[in-house]
Amino acid sequence: MNIKPQRIKPHKKISLICLVKSIAVLFLTSLLASCANLIATPDLPTLIPEAELPTIIAQTAQALVPPTNAPDLATPTRTQPSSITPTKDAGQSQSATPSIALTPVPTKNTPQPLGTAESPAIEIPYAKIQIIRPGPLSKIVSPIKVQVFLSPGEGKRIQMELIGEDGRLMYRKVFRYAVPPATLINLFKDIDFEINGVAETARLVVSTYDAHGRIQALASEDLILLS
């Protein structure tokens, strides 16, 4: 059996399209309404009256400021001062006392330092008989050059001797000077000698005498005689 498709008439076709559009609009409207219900509407802040706004701002600012130790504004009360007993400072002995340097003030008439006083030279007096040369233990070859500074004494007699190491008399000479007793003279004399060995010790003796022939002064010097 063959069924033939029926053709829709044009005015019916337009009505069908309008119906579909109306259904779609209703569907979209219902969908938007349901989505709007799902979104939570935020709570809006309550509006503050303008007259109270400055007071609230001041309170908020005061709350944000950190608390400070405000001074106690209470009325001070008079209290009797407690008695203070003076005590010695224990650390007073340990504290260093500053030293004060005193600077001398120059004066117009400043005394100048005096020079060191030099002690006068002390002159050592000569002995009654002073053998100037030869010196002690001089090594001498013949002749011996003798210099003596002396006073002839009251007897005006001077005796010069050379004695060997064995006691023998190697030389003797007597000098007479007619001078006052306090007179000092320089006596120069060359003494010749002979020895058997290479060297020998000897003694030079000079003496003066008084008016009675007694020894008044005597001086001697040890020598080394060389051949």
Protein backbone atom coordinates (compact mmCIF):
# COMPACT_ATOMS: atom_id res chain seq x y z
CA MET A 1 0.00 0.00 0.00
CA ASN A 2 1.55 3.21 -1.00
CA ILE A 3 1.03 6.22 1.31
CA LYS A 4 1.64 9.55 -0.18
CA PRO A 5 3.13 12.25 1.96
CA GLN A 6 0.91 15.13 2.72
CA ARG A 7 2.10 18.60 2.16
CA ILE A 8 1.68 21.14 4.89
CA LYS A 9 -0.01 24.22 3.94
CA PRO A 10 1.94 27.49 4.17
CA HIS A 11 -0.21 29.19 6.81
CA LYS A 12 -0.02 26.17 9.02
CA LYS A 13 3.77 26.11 8.61
CA ILE A 14 4.11 29.67 9.89
CA SER A 15 1.97 28.93 12.92
CA LEU A 16 4.14 25.96 13.75
CA ILE A 17 7.34 28.03 13.63
CA CYS A 18 5.86 30.65 15.94
CA LEU A 19 4.87 27.98 18.36
CA VAL A 20 8.37 26.53 18.44
CA LYS A 21 9.87 29.98 19.04
CA SER A 22 7.47 30.63 21.89
CA ILE A 23 8.38 27.35 23.50
CA ALA A 24 12.11 28.14 23.18
CA VAL A 25 11.65 31.60 24.74
CA LEU A 26 9.75 30.14 27.67
CA PHE A 27 12.45 27.52 28.16
CA LEU A 28 15.24 30.11 28.20
CA THR A 29 13.29 32.32 30.59
CA SER A 30 12.75 29.52 33.03
CA LEU A 31 16.43 28.53 32.76
CA LEU A 32 17.64 32.05 33.54
CA ALA A 33 15.28 32.31 36.48
CA SER A 34 16.59 29.10 37.97
CA CYS A 35 20.24 30.23 37.54
CA ALA A 36 19.48 33.56 39.17
CA ASN A 37 18.12 31.77 42.21
CA LEU A 38 21.35 29.75 42.52
CA ILE A 39 23.55 32.86 42.74
CA ALA A 40 23.60 34.10 46.38
CA THR A 41 22.77 37.71 46.62
CA PRO A 42 25.43 39.40 48.85
CA ASP A 43 24.29 41.17 52.00
CA LEU A 44 24.56 44.86 51.43
CA PRO A 45 25.85 46.96 54.40
CA THR A 46 23.37 48.95 56.32
CA LEU A 47 23.58 52.59 55.45
CA ILE A 48 24.76 54.90 58.30
CA PRO A 49 23.10 58.23 58.76
CA GLU A 50 25.29 61.16 57.81
CA ALA A 51 24.82 62.84 61.21
CA GLU A 52 26.46 59.89 63.06
CA LEU A 53 29.28 59.37 60.53
CA PRO A 54 31.95 61.67 62.23
CA THR A 55 31.38 60.06 65.62
CA ILE A 56 31.82 56.56 64.21
CA ILE A 57 35.01 57.56 62.34
CA ALA A 58 36.52 59.02 65.51
CA GLN A 59 35.69 55.89 67.51
CA THR A 60 37.20 53.67 64.80
CA ALA A 61 40.43 55.70 64.67
CA GLN A 62 40.73 55.60 68.47
CA ALA A 63 40.34 51.83 68.42
CA LEU A 64 43.11 51.45 65.83
CA VAL A 65 45.66 53.48 67.85
CA PRO A 66 47.84 51.15 70.08
CA PRO A 67 47.34 51.72 73.78
CA THR A 68 50.07 53.75 75.51
CA ASN A 69 50.98 54.13 79.14
CA ALA A 70 49.17 57.33 79.76
CA PRO A 71 50.40 59.27 82.79
CA ASP A 72 48.37 58.97 85.84
CA LEU A 73 46.33 62.16 86.02
CA ALA A 74 45.18 61.47 89.51
CA THR A 75 45.56 64.28 92.00
CA PRO A 76 48.94 63.92 93.78
CA THR A 77 48.86 63.46 97.51
CA ARG A 78 51.44 64.89 99.88
CA THR A 79 53.67 62.33 101.58
CA GLN A 80 56.15 62.92 104.34
CA PRO A 81 59.77 62.54 103.08
CA SER A 82 61.55 59.61 104.65
CA SER A 83 64.64 60.38 106.69
CA ILE A 84 67.86 59.81 104.75
CA THR A 85 70.90 58.59 106.65
CA PRO A 86 74.16 59.69 105.00
CA THR A 87 76.44 56.74 104.26
CA LYS A 88 79.99 56.60 102.98
CA ASP A 89 80.32 55.85 99.32
CA ALA A 90 81.94 52.46 99.06
CA GLY A 91 83.23 53.15 95.57
CA GLN A 92 84.75 56.46 96.54
CA SER A 93 88.10 54.88 97.38
CA GLN A 94 88.16 53.05 94.05
CA SER A 95 87.49 56.09 91.93
CA ALA A 96 90.63 57.62 90.46
CA THR A 97 91.33 61.16 91.55
CA PRO A 98 92.39 63.30 88.61
CA SER A 99 95.91 64.64 89.01
CA ILE A 100 96.56 68.31 88.56
CA ALA A 101 99.76 69.27 86.75
CA LEU A 102 101.21 72.51 88.04
CA THR A 103 103.08 74.54 85.47
CA PRO A 104 105.65 76.90 86.97
CA VAL A 105 105.08 80.50 86.05
CA PRO A 106 108.27 82.10 84.76
CA THR A 107 109.40 85.10 86.70
CA LYS A 108 111.38 88.05 85.51
CA ASN A 109 114.30 87.50 87.86
CA THR A 110 114.91 83.80 87.29
CA PRO A 111 118.19 82.82 88.96
CA GLN A 112 120.70 81.40 86.55
CA PRO A 113 122.42 78.13 87.49
CA LEU A 114 125.89 78.68 88.79
CA GLY A 115 128.83 76.88 87.30
CA THR A 116 130.42 73.97 89.09
CA ALA A 117 133.13 75.18 91.38
CA GLU A 118 136.45 73.67 90.47
CA SER A 119 138.43 72.44 93.41
CA PRO A 120 141.93 73.85 93.46
CA ALA A 121 144.68 71.46 92.52
CA ILE A 122 146.44 70.07 95.53
CA GLU A 123 150.19 70.18 95.19
CA ILE A 124 151.88 67.18 96.71
CA PRO A 125 155.12 68.30 98.27
CA TYR A 126 158.35 66.59 97.33
CA ALA A 127 160.01 64.28 99.77
CA LYS A 128 163.27 65.20 101.39
CA ILE A 129 164.92 63.08 98.70
CA GLN A 130 162.98 62.55 95.45
CA ILE A 131 164.54 60.19 92.88
CA ILE A 132 163.22 61.46 89.54
CA ARG A 133 164.97 58.85 87.42
CA PRO A 134 165.46 55.98 86.92
CA GLY A 135 162.05 54.60 87.83
CA PRO A 136 161.34 51.50 89.93
CA LEU A 137 162.58 48.21 88.40
CA SER A 138 163.95 49.96 85.33
CA LYS A 139 166.04 47.74 83.03
CA ILE A 140 169.24 49.69 82.56
CA VAL A 141 172.56 49.23 80.83
CA SER A 142 175.71 51.09 81.89
CA PRO A 143 175.84 53.99 82.60
CA ILE A 144 172.89 54.76 84.87
CA LYS A 145 171.65 58.33 84.35
CA VAL A 146 170.50 59.51 87.77
CA GLN A 147 168.46 62.63 88.59
CA VAL A 148 167.65 63.42 92.22
CA PHE A 149 165.73 66.42 93.66
CA LEU A 150 166.73 66.95 97.29
CA SER A 151 167.98 69.23 100.06
CA PRO A 152 171.57 68.70 101.31
CA GLY A 153 170.44 69.07 104.94
CA GLU A 154 172.28 70.51 107.87
CA GLY A 155 175.45 68.51 107.22
CA LYS A 156 175.54 69.68 103.57
CA ARG A 157 176.50 66.13 102.65
CA ILE A 158 174.89 63.85 100.03
CA GLN A 159 175.86 60.22 99.56
CA MET A 160 174.95 58.05 96.51
CA GLU A 161 175.50 54.25 96.45
CA LEU A 162 174.79 51.31 94.12
CA ILE A 163 174.53 47.94 95.92
CA GLY A 164 174.44 44.60 94.07
CA GLU A 165 172.01 41.75 94.70
CA ASP A 166 174.62 39.90 96.77
CA GLY A 167 175.24 42.98 99.03
CA ARG A 168 178.48 44.08 97.44
CA LEU A 169 179.14 47.79 97.02
CA MET A 170 179.27 48.55 93.29
CA TYR A 171 179.44 52.37 93.52
CA ARG A 172 179.70 55.10 96.22
CA LYS A 173 180.06 58.87 95.85
CA VAL A 174 179.84 61.71 98.44
CA PHE A 175 178.77 65.22 97.35
CA ARG A 176 179.10 68.35 99.51
CA TYR A 177 177.11 71.53 98.90
CA ALA A 178 177.60 74.71 100.93
CA VAL A 179 174.01 75.93 100.71
CA PRO A 180 171.37 76.90 103.29
CA PRO A 181 169.60 73.91 104.85
CA ALA A 182 166.20 74.63 103.18
CA THR A 183 167.69 74.87 99.67
CA LEU A 184 166.52 72.27 97.10
CA ILE A 185 168.86 71.22 94.33
CA ASN A 186 168.78 68.98 91.25
CA LEU A 187 171.59 66.44 91.28
CA PHE A 188 172.55 64.73 87.99
CA LYS A 189 175.05 61.87 87.90
CA ASP A 190 176.06 59.06 85.51
CA ILE A 191 177.04 55.80 87.26
CA ASP A 192 179.14 53.22 85.42
CA PHE A 193 178.88 49.55 86.45
CA GLU A 194 180.01 46.06 85.40
CA ILE A 195 178.29 42.72 86.08
CA ASN A 196 179.41 39.14 85.46
CA GLY A 197 176.08 37.71 84.33
CA VAL A 198 173.49 38.74 81.76
CA ALA A 199 171.33 40.60 84.30
CA GLU A 200 171.40 41.41 87.98
CA THR A 201 169.21 43.25 90.42
CA ALA A 202 170.63 46.20 92.32
CA ARG A 203 169.54 49.05 94.59
CA LEU A 204 170.28 52.74 94.20
CA VAL A 205 170.50 54.50 97.61
CA VAL A 206 170.65 58.29 98.17
CA SER A 207 171.03 59.74 101.70
CA THR A 208 171.69 63.06 103.48
CA TYR A 209 173.24 63.73 106.90
CA ASP A 210 172.92 66.26 109.69
CA ALA A 211 175.69 68.26 111.35
CA HIS A 212 176.59 65.32 113.62
CA GLY A 213 177.02 62.85 110.76
CA ARG A 214 173.72 61.04 111.32
CA ILE A 215 171.41 60.06 108.47
CA GLN A 216 168.77 62.77 108.08
CA ALA A 217 166.87 61.42 104.99
CA LEU A 218 167.18 58.34 102.78
CA ALA A 219 165.56 57.14 99.52
CA SER A 220 166.17 54.01 97.44
CA GLU A 221 165.10 52.51 94.09
CA ASP A 222 165.31 48.88 92.89
CA LEU A 223 166.77 48.43 89.40
CA ILE A 224 167.54 45.63 86.93
CA LEU A 225 171.06 45.92 85.53
CA LEU A 226 171.76 44.49 82.09
CA SER A 227 175.20 43.62 80.73
